[in-house]
Amino acid sequence: MQISAKKIKIFKIKNREGYAAICCDRLTEGKTTYQAYDRMLKALRRGGIIIKNQPTSLKQLITSIK
């Protein structure tokens, strides 16, 4: 299965240090946006999901969770 990188949402974790990434019912955490994104790619690969295209900048994936 292939998905777009735009389906990955990265956000700042409240009450903790670092960032989290969420996609396809998976949640990963990291100290930086890149680490959270990298861990998400690894989790998706374990599930047999491939990312079609790489984003030019991780800033495109950062969202605000309220």
C-alpha atoms as a PDB file:
ATOM      1  CA  MET A   1       0.000   0.000   0.000  1.00  0.00           C
ATOM      2  CA  GLN A   2       1.282   3.465  -0.869  1.00  0.00           C
ATOM      3  CA  ILE A   3       0.291   6.756   0.758  1.00  0.00           C
ATOM      4  CA  SER A   4       1.307  10.370   0.342  1.00  0.00           C
ATOM      5  CA  ALA A   5       3.682  11.976   2.850  1.00  0.00           C
ATOM      6  CA  LYS A   6       1.041  14.670   3.396  1.00  0.00           C
ATOM      7  CA  LYS A   7      -1.013  12.186   5.424  1.00  0.00           C
ATOM      8  CA  ILE A   8       1.625  12.304   8.180  1.00  0.00           C
ATOM      9  CA  LYS A   9       0.839  14.992  10.750  1.00  0.00           C
ATOM     10  CA  ILE A  10       3.588  16.278  13.053  1.00  0.00           C
ATOM     11  CA  PHE A  11       2.756  18.337  16.125  1.00  0.00           C
ATOM     12  CA  LYS A  12       4.333  19.691  19.306  1.00  0.00           C
ATOM     13  CA  ILE A  13       3.445  17.638  22.378  1.00  0.00           C
ATOM     14  CA  LYS A  14       1.952  19.671  25.208  1.00  0.00           C
ATOM     15  CA  ASN A  15       3.239  18.960  28.723  1.00  0.00           C
ATOM     16  CA  ARG A  16       6.291  17.162  27.287  1.00  0.00           C
ATOM     17  CA  GLU A  17       9.445  17.888  25.391  1.00  0.00           C
ATOM     18  CA  GLY A  18       9.486  16.987  21.742  1.00  0.00           C
ATOM     19  CA  TYR A  19       7.199  16.258  18.835  1.00  0.00           C
ATOM     20  CA  ALA A  20       4.850  13.491  17.758  1.00  0.00           C
ATOM     21  CA  ALA A  21       3.835  12.144  14.362  1.00  0.00           C
ATOM     22  CA  ILE A  22       0.517  10.463  13.629  1.00  0.00           C
ATOM     23  CA  CYS A  23      -0.590   8.564  10.533  1.00  0.00           C
ATOM     24  CA  CYS A  24      -2.709   5.491   9.774  1.00  0.00           C
ATOM     25  CA  ASP A  25      -3.535   4.767  13.445  1.00  0.00           C
ATOM     26  CA  ARG A  26       0.149   4.931  14.420  1.00  0.00           C
ATOM     27  CA  LEU A  27       1.778   7.387  16.834  1.00  0.00           C
ATOM     28  CA  THR A  28       5.502   8.033  17.212  1.00  0.00           C
ATOM     29  CA  GLU A  29       7.452  10.508  19.334  1.00  0.00           C
ATOM     30  CA  GLY A  30      10.838  12.188  18.992  1.00  0.00           C
ATOM     31  CA  LYS A  31      12.868  15.075  20.359  1.00  0.00           C
ATOM     32  CA  THR A  32      12.890  16.785  16.959  1.00  0.00           C
ATOM     33  CA  THR A  33      10.476  16.917  14.028  1.00  0.00           C
ATOM     34  CA  TYR A  34      12.928  14.927  11.929  1.00  0.00           C
ATOM     35  CA  GLN A  35      13.236  12.172  14.552  1.00  0.00           C
ATOM     36  CA  ALA A  36       9.441  11.857  14.888  1.00  0.00           C
ATOM     37  CA  TYR A  37       9.095  11.713  11.081  1.00  0.00           C
ATOM     38  CA  ASP A  38      11.896   9.151  10.741  1.00  0.00           C
ATOM     39  CA  ARG A  39      10.349   6.914  13.404  1.00  0.00           C
ATOM     40  CA  MET A  40       6.976   7.181  11.633  1.00  0.00           C
ATOM     41  CA  LEU A  41       8.507   6.028   8.351  1.00  0.00           C
ATOM     42  CA  LYS A  42       9.985   3.017  10.142  1.00  0.00           C
ATOM     43  CA  ALA A  43       6.633   2.183  11.795  1.00  0.00           C
ATOM     44  CA  LEU A  44       4.813   2.440   8.461  1.00  0.00           C
ATOM     45  CA  ARG A  45       7.387   0.219   6.718  1.00  0.00           C
ATOM     46  CA  ARG A  46       6.836  -2.454   9.383  1.00  0.00           C
ATOM     47  CA  GLY A  47       3.140  -2.394   8.499  1.00  0.00           C
ATOM     48  CA  GLY A  48       3.804  -2.702   4.772  1.00  0.00           C
ATOM     49  CA  ILE A  49       2.991   0.926   3.941  1.00  0.00           C
ATOM     50  CA  ILE A  50       5.277   2.862   1.598  1.00  0.00           C
ATOM     51  CA  ILE A  51       5.512   6.651   1.258  1.00  0.00           C
ATOM     52  CA  LYS A  52       5.155   7.705  -2.396  1.00  0.00           C
ATOM     53  CA  ASN A  53       6.963  11.043  -2.220  1.00  0.00           C
ATOM     54  CA  GLN A  54       9.250  12.719   0.276  1.00  0.00           C
ATOM     55  CA  PRO A  55       8.292  16.237   1.421  1.00  0.00           C
ATOM     56  CA  THR A  56      10.721  18.998   0.490  1.00  0.00           C
ATOM     57  CA  SER A  57      10.458  20.378   4.001  1.00  0.00           C
ATOM     58  CA  LEU A  58       9.086  18.898   7.234  1.00  0.00           C
ATOM     59  CA  LYS A  59       7.521  22.292   7.975  1.00  0.00           C
ATOM     60  CA  GLN A  60       4.787  21.318   5.482  1.00  0.00           C
ATOM     61  CA  LEU A  61       3.707  18.464   7.779  1.00  0.00           C
ATOM     62  CA  ILE A  62       3.619  20.388  11.087  1.00  0.00           C
ATOM     63  CA  THR A  63       0.085  21.006  12.321  1.00  0.00           C
ATOM     64  CA  SER A  64      -1.489  22.457  15.423  1.00  0.00           C
ATOM     65  CA  ILE A  65      -3.480  20.073  17.606  1.00  0.00           C
ATOM     66  CA  LYS A  66      -6.020  21.748  19.893  1.00  0.00           C
END
